[in-house]
Structure formats: structure tokens, C-alpha cells
Amino acid sequence: MHPRFNTILRNFLLGSRWGMAPFCLGLIAALALVLAEFVRELVEAVLGFAGMSGSEVIVAVLKLVDLGLVANLVVMIIGAGVEIFLPDSAARNEGGSAAPGIVDFAELKLKVFGSLSAIVAIDLLENFLGVDPVHKAGVLPEIAVLLAFVLSGVLLGWMDRLAAERR
């Protein structure tokens, strides 16, 4: 092909990555929503603390931890988006270390699976502590989902390790 055509095509394809910008902006808005929900849950827990039983306090704290993990997950995905938009940001900065907040995609996959597994586990624990004895059977499908996440994460980590050994 003609070199000029190749250059135009290359620039067009590289420029298309900016189509992800609305998704990252939406994730920033979602992070603000998670923060608002965190503050609402925290205020509710603090104001209602006097009338809470021990298990209600644990559930309130678990909700806060759950929201914190969701926020961390969103931040990791936004960081991956920064890598897409600004590939030079992963280059070494003045001190010779990698730019803060940027992870490679192999690490990101494992961190996402770890975060999702933790979120599912905390949600399961919240539901387990908050359900009536009659409804505890409904927790079994949630346990299956948690085990599926954990197994998927372990298999993904194992596959990455095998791929690294072959290099």
C-alpha cells in the first residue's frame, strides 16, 4: 500500500481509542455516586448507632467496606483507561519509576477478579447476616457465584503464570 495511506490509516486507528473517553468520564461520575452512597451509609450508621445491635453494626461496616472495594475497582478501571489514552504516561517519569496508578493488563485482570471476589464475598456475608432462617437457602446460589469468581481468578492467575514461564 501507499505509505501515505498507511500513515492516515494508522493515525485514524490510533485516534479511535478516544471513543473510550465517554466511558471513562461515565466511570468518574459513577465514582462520585459511590462516594455519595458511602457518605449516606456512613451518616446513617453514625446517627443510628445507638439503636443498632451488634450484627447491625457489622452489616453497616460491611456495606462501607463493600462500597470502598467498588470504588477501588472503578479507580483501577479508570487507571487502565488512562493507559489507553495516554500511553506515554506508563513511561518512566523523572525519578525512573513507573507512573503512579498505572498497572499492566495482566496485573489488572487479577486485581479485578480479586476485587470482584471480595465484593461478592462481602455481599454474601451481608445477606447471610441479614436474612431470616427461612431464607438462608437463597444464600446457596450466592455461594456458588462466589466460588465461581474465586475459581476463575485462580485459573486466570495460573494461566498468566504458565504464560510467563514460557517466555
C-alpha atoms as a PDB file:
ATOM      1  CA  MET A   1       0.000   0.000   0.000  1.00  0.00           C
ATOM      2  CA  HIS A   2       0.957   3.599  -0.363  1.00  0.00           C
ATOM      3  CA  PRO A   3       2.934   4.941   2.639  1.00  0.00           C
ATOM      4  CA  ARG A   4       0.674   7.996   2.952  1.00  0.00           C
ATOM      5  CA  PHE A   5      -2.416   5.769   3.115  1.00  0.00           C
ATOM      6  CA  ASN A   6      -0.721   3.643   5.807  1.00  0.00           C
ATOM      7  CA  THR A   7       0.052   6.759   7.831  1.00  0.00           C
ATOM      8  CA  ILE A   8      -3.537   8.030   7.560  1.00  0.00           C
ATOM      9  CA  LEU A   9      -4.956   4.618   8.482  1.00  0.00           C
ATOM     10  CA  ARG A  10      -2.572   4.270  11.416  1.00  0.00           C
ATOM     11  CA  ASN A  11      -3.460   7.739  12.752  1.00  0.00           C
ATOM     12  CA  PHE A  12      -7.180   7.024  12.322  1.00  0.00           C
ATOM     13  CA  LEU A  13      -6.933   3.721  14.195  1.00  0.00           C
ATOM     14  CA  LEU A  14      -4.861   5.248  16.993  1.00  0.00           C
ATOM     15  CA  GLY A  15      -7.280   8.165  17.227  1.00  0.00           C
ATOM     16  CA  SER A  16     -10.228   5.811  17.610  1.00  0.00           C
ATOM     17  CA  ARG A  17      -9.080   4.980  21.122  1.00  0.00           C
ATOM     18  CA  TRP A  18     -10.625   8.296  22.166  1.00  0.00           C
ATOM     19  CA  GLY A  19     -14.001   6.626  21.659  1.00  0.00           C
ATOM     20  CA  MET A  20     -13.419   5.217  25.145  1.00  0.00           C
ATOM     21  CA  ALA A  21     -13.314   8.700  26.694  1.00  0.00           C
ATOM     22  CA  PRO A  22     -17.079   8.854  27.375  1.00  0.00           C
ATOM     23  CA  PHE A  23     -16.853   5.532  29.208  1.00  0.00           C
ATOM     24  CA  CYS A  24     -14.066   6.815  31.468  1.00  0.00           C
ATOM     25  CA  LEU A  25     -15.960  10.048  32.119  1.00  0.00           C
ATOM     26  CA  GLY A  26     -19.000   7.963  32.994  1.00  0.00           C
ATOM     27  CA  LEU A  27     -16.883   5.905  35.391  1.00  0.00           C
ATOM     28  CA  ILE A  28     -15.722   9.114  37.071  1.00  0.00           C
ATOM     29  CA  ALA A  29     -19.386  10.061  37.514  1.00  0.00           C
ATOM     30  CA  ALA A  30     -20.052   6.542  38.863  1.00  0.00           C
ATOM     31  CA  LEU A  31     -17.202   7.020  41.342  1.00  0.00           C
ATOM     32  CA  ALA A  32     -18.910  10.200  42.551  1.00  0.00           C
ATOM     33  CA  LEU A  33     -22.145   8.214  43.008  1.00  0.00           C
ATOM     34  CA  VAL A  34     -20.318   5.552  45.006  1.00  0.00           C
ATOM     35  CA  LEU A  35     -18.798   8.295  47.163  1.00  0.00           C
ATOM     36  CA  ALA A  36     -22.248   9.833  47.757  1.00  0.00           C
ATOM     37  CA  GLU A  37     -23.652   6.427  48.718  1.00  0.00           C
ATOM     38  CA  PHE A  38     -20.677   5.827  51.024  1.00  0.00           C
ATOM     39  CA  VAL A  39     -21.273   9.145  52.797  1.00  0.00           C
ATOM     40  CA  ARG A  40     -25.004   8.420  53.071  1.00  0.00           C
ATOM     41  CA  GLU A  41     -24.363   4.960  54.563  1.00  0.00           C
ATOM     42  CA  LEU A  42     -21.745   6.371  56.943  1.00  0.00           C
ATOM     43  CA  VAL A  43     -24.043   9.142  58.183  1.00  0.00           C
ATOM     44  CA  GLU A  44     -26.887   6.645  58.571  1.00  0.00           C
ATOM     45  CA  ALA A  45     -24.650   4.289  60.542  1.00  0.00           C
ATOM     46  CA  VAL A  46     -23.301   7.022  62.795  1.00  0.00           C
ATOM     47  CA  LEU A  47     -26.722   8.529  63.506  1.00  0.00           C
ATOM     48  CA  GLY A  48     -28.375   5.140  64.068  1.00  0.00           C
ATOM     49  CA  PHE A  49     -25.505   3.605  66.026  1.00  0.00           C
ATOM     50  CA  ALA A  50     -27.216   3.923  69.425  1.00  0.00           C
ATOM     51  CA  GLY A  51     -30.147   1.746  68.342  1.00  0.00           C
ATOM     52  CA  MET A  52     -28.117  -0.881  66.454  1.00  0.00           C
ATOM     53  CA  SER A  53     -27.462  -4.406  67.601  1.00  0.00           C
ATOM     54  CA  GLY A  54     -24.046  -5.980  67.150  1.00  0.00           C
ATOM     55  CA  SER A  55     -24.959  -7.709  63.901  1.00  0.00           C
ATOM     56  CA  GLU A  56     -26.476  -4.496  62.517  1.00  0.00           C
ATOM     57  CA  VAL A  57     -23.205  -2.680  63.207  1.00  0.00           C
ATOM     58  CA  ILE A  58     -21.302  -5.428  61.398  1.00  0.00           C
ATOM     59  CA  VAL A  59     -23.654  -5.201  58.410  1.00  0.00           C
ATOM     60  CA  ALA A  60     -23.250  -1.402  58.327  1.00  0.00           C
ATOM     61  CA  VAL A  61     -19.465  -1.724  58.362  1.00  0.00           C
ATOM     62  CA  LEU A  62     -19.593  -4.422  55.673  1.00  0.00           C
ATOM     63  CA  LYS A  63     -21.645  -2.085  53.476  1.00  0.00           C
ATOM     64  CA  LEU A  64     -18.981   0.597  53.877  1.00  0.00           C
ATOM     65  CA  VAL A  65     -16.199  -1.864  53.059  1.00  0.00           C
ATOM     66  CA  ASP A  66     -18.188  -3.076  50.055  1.00  0.00           C
ATOM     67  CA  LEU A  67     -18.551   0.468  48.740  1.00  0.00           C
ATOM     68  CA  GLY A  68     -14.833   1.073  49.299  1.00  0.00           C
ATOM     69  CA  LEU A  69     -13.980  -2.024  47.254  1.00  0.00           C
ATOM     70  CA  VAL A  70     -16.336  -0.952  44.471  1.00  0.00           C
ATOM     71  CA  ALA A  71     -14.661   2.472  44.430  1.00  0.00           C
ATOM     72  CA  ASN A  72     -11.221   0.812  44.219  1.00  0.00           C
ATOM     73  CA  LEU A  73     -12.428  -1.318  41.310  1.00  0.00           C
ATOM     74  CA  VAL A  74     -13.688   1.757  39.448  1.00  0.00           C
ATOM     75  CA  VAL A  75     -10.382   3.548  40.051  1.00  0.00           C
ATOM     76  CA  MET A  76      -8.459   0.553  38.654  1.00  0.00           C
ATOM     77  CA  ILE A  77     -10.573   0.582  35.507  1.00  0.00           C
ATOM     78  CA  ILE A  78     -10.119   4.343  35.119  1.00  0.00           C
ATOM     79  CA  GLY A  79      -6.354   3.815  35.501  1.00  0.00           C
ATOM     80  CA  ALA A  80      -6.451   1.288  32.692  1.00  0.00           C
ATOM     81  CA  GLY A  81      -8.310   3.856  30.606  1.00  0.00           C
ATOM     82  CA  VAL A  82      -5.541   6.369  31.232  1.00  0.00           C
ATOM     83  CA  GLU A  83      -3.140   3.792  29.827  1.00  0.00           C
ATOM     84  CA  ILE A  84      -5.238   3.611  26.646  1.00  0.00           C
ATOM     85  CA  PHE A  85      -5.491   7.383  26.162  1.00  0.00           C
ATOM     86  CA  LEU A  86      -2.061   8.393  27.306  1.00  0.00           C
ATOM     87  CA  PRO A  87       0.296   5.504  26.569  1.00  0.00           C
ATOM     88  CA  ASP A  88       3.290   7.718  27.326  1.00  0.00           C
ATOM     89  CA  SER A  89       2.092   8.011  30.926  1.00  0.00           C
ATOM     90  CA  ALA A  90       3.293   4.472  31.557  1.00  0.00           C
ATOM     91  CA  ALA A  91       6.764   5.539  30.528  1.00  0.00           C
ATOM     92  CA  ARG A  92       9.272   6.272  33.197  1.00  0.00           C
ATOM     93  CA  ASN A  93       8.935   9.597  34.941  1.00  0.00           C
ATOM     94  CA  GLU A  94      11.845  11.766  36.111  1.00  0.00           C
ATOM     95  CA  GLY A  95      12.658   9.575  39.114  1.00  0.00           C
ATOM     96  CA  GLY A  96      12.902   6.460  36.952  1.00  0.00           C
ATOM     97  CA  SER A  97       9.846   4.745  38.395  1.00  0.00           C
ATOM     98  CA  ALA A  98       6.628   3.915  36.610  1.00  0.00           C
ATOM     99  CA  ALA A  99       3.865   6.495  36.658  1.00  0.00           C
ATOM    100  CA  PRO A 100       1.627   6.107  39.733  1.00  0.00           C
ATOM    101  CA  GLY A 101      -1.672   4.284  39.390  1.00  0.00           C
ATOM    102  CA  ILE A 102      -0.815   2.544  36.119  1.00  0.00           C
ATOM    103  CA  VAL A 103      -0.727  -1.246  36.072  1.00  0.00           C
ATOM    104  CA  ASP A 104      -0.192  -3.634  33.236  1.00  0.00           C
ATOM    105  CA  PHE A 105      -3.214  -5.517  31.962  1.00  0.00           C
ATOM    106  CA  ALA A 106      -2.128  -8.895  33.349  1.00  0.00           C
ATOM    107  CA  GLU A 107      -1.999  -7.390  36.848  1.00  0.00           C
ATOM    108  CA  LEU A 108      -5.244  -5.542  36.226  1.00  0.00           C
ATOM    109  CA  LYS A 109      -7.103  -8.762  35.360  1.00  0.00           C
ATOM    110  CA  LEU A 110      -6.027 -10.378  38.611  1.00  0.00           C
ATOM    111  CA  LYS A 111      -6.835  -7.290  40.657  1.00  0.00           C
ATOM    112  CA  VAL A 112     -10.276  -7.007  39.054  1.00  0.00           C
ATOM    113  CA  PHE A 113     -11.025 -10.669  39.812  1.00  0.00           C
ATOM    114  CA  GLY A 114      -9.739 -10.226  43.347  1.00  0.00           C
ATOM    115  CA  SER A 115     -11.874  -7.129  43.875  1.00  0.00           C
ATOM    116  CA  LEU A 116     -14.959  -8.750  42.389  1.00  0.00           C
ATOM    117  CA  SER A 117     -14.467 -11.825  44.558  1.00  0.00           C
ATOM    118  CA  ALA A 118     -14.116  -9.668  47.666  1.00  0.00           C
ATOM    119  CA  ILE A 119     -17.209  -7.640  46.752  1.00  0.00           C
ATOM    120  CA  VAL A 120     -19.251 -10.802  46.181  1.00  0.00           C
ATOM    121  CA  ALA A 121     -17.963 -12.291  49.455  1.00  0.00           C
ATOM    122  CA  ILE A 122     -18.898  -9.187  51.431  1.00  0.00           C
ATOM    123  CA  ASP A 123     -22.318  -9.046  49.781  1.00  0.00           C
ATOM    124  CA  LEU A 124     -22.812 -12.708  50.647  1.00  0.00           C
ATOM    125  CA  LEU A 125     -21.823 -12.064  54.255  1.00  0.00           C
ATOM    126  CA  GLU A 126     -24.201  -9.081  54.465  1.00  0.00           C
ATOM    127  CA  ASN A 127     -27.041 -11.201  53.103  1.00  0.00           C
ATOM    128  CA  PHE A 128     -26.176 -14.123  55.364  1.00  0.00           C
ATOM    129  CA  LEU A 129     -26.229 -11.917  58.465  1.00  0.00           C
ATOM    130  CA  GLY A 130     -29.391 -10.103  57.414  1.00  0.00           C
ATOM    131  CA  VAL A 131     -31.693 -12.906  56.278  1.00  0.00           C
ATOM    132  CA  ASP A 132     -34.229 -14.880  58.257  1.00  0.00           C
ATOM    133  CA  PRO A 133     -33.504 -18.554  58.932  1.00  0.00           C
ATOM    134  CA  VAL A 134     -36.230 -19.472  56.432  1.00  0.00           C
ATOM    135  CA  HIS A 135     -34.473 -17.593  53.604  1.00  0.00           C
ATOM    136  CA  LYS A 136     -30.948 -18.888  54.217  1.00  0.00           C
ATOM    137  CA  ALA A 137     -31.411 -21.424  51.411  1.00  0.00           C
ATOM    138  CA  GLY A 138     -31.337 -18.470  48.997  1.00  0.00           C
ATOM    139  CA  VAL A 139     -27.726 -17.884  50.026  1.00  0.00           C
ATOM    140  CA  LEU A 140     -26.570 -21.109  48.330  1.00  0.00           C
ATOM    141  CA  PRO A 141     -26.666 -19.637  44.799  1.00  0.00           C
ATOM    142  CA  GLU A 142     -24.641 -16.674  46.069  1.00  0.00           C
ATOM    143  CA  ILE A 143     -22.057 -19.077  47.475  1.00  0.00           C
ATOM    144  CA  ALA A 144     -21.887 -20.767  44.063  1.00  0.00           C
ATOM    145  CA  VAL A 145     -21.291 -17.388  42.381  1.00  0.00           C
ATOM    146  CA  LEU A 146     -18.546 -16.576  44.886  1.00  0.00           C
ATOM    147  CA  LEU A 147     -16.853 -19.916  44.291  1.00  0.00           C
ATOM    148  CA  ALA A 148     -17.095 -19.379  40.532  1.00  0.00           C
ATOM    149  CA  PHE A 149     -15.369 -15.980  40.870  1.00  0.00           C
ATOM    150  CA  VAL A 150     -12.641 -17.411  43.081  1.00  0.00           C
ATOM    151  CA  LEU A 151     -12.070 -20.381  40.777  1.00  0.00           C
ATOM    152  CA  SER A 152     -11.978 -18.112  37.716  1.00  0.00           C
ATOM    153  CA  GLY A 153      -9.436 -15.854  39.398  1.00  0.00           C
ATOM    154  CA  VAL A 154      -7.245 -18.770  40.401  1.00  0.00           C
ATOM    155  CA  LEU A 155      -7.364 -20.223  36.890  1.00  0.00           C
ATOM    156  CA  LEU A 156      -6.606 -16.835  35.348  1.00  0.00           C
ATOM    157  CA  GLY A 157      -3.625 -16.367  37.654  1.00  0.00           C
ATOM    158  CA  TRP A 158      -2.410 -19.873  36.878  1.00  0.00           C
ATOM    159  CA  MET A 159      -2.688 -19.251  33.121  1.00  0.00           C
ATOM    160  CA  ASP A 160      -0.738 -15.984  33.447  1.00  0.00           C
ATOM    161  CA  ARG A 161       1.935 -17.804  35.441  1.00  0.00           C
ATOM    162  CA  LEU A 162       2.211 -20.554  32.815  1.00  0.00           C
ATOM    163  CA  ALA A 163       2.437 -17.941  30.042  1.00  0.00           C
ATOM    164  CA  ALA A 164       5.186 -16.105  31.937  1.00  0.00           C
ATOM    165  CA  GLU A 165       7.173 -19.343  32.359  1.00  0.00           C
ATOM    166  CA  ARG A 166       7.101 -19.961  28.612  1.00  0.00           C
ATOM    167  CA  ARG A 167       8.703 -16.612  27.845  1.00  0.00           C
END
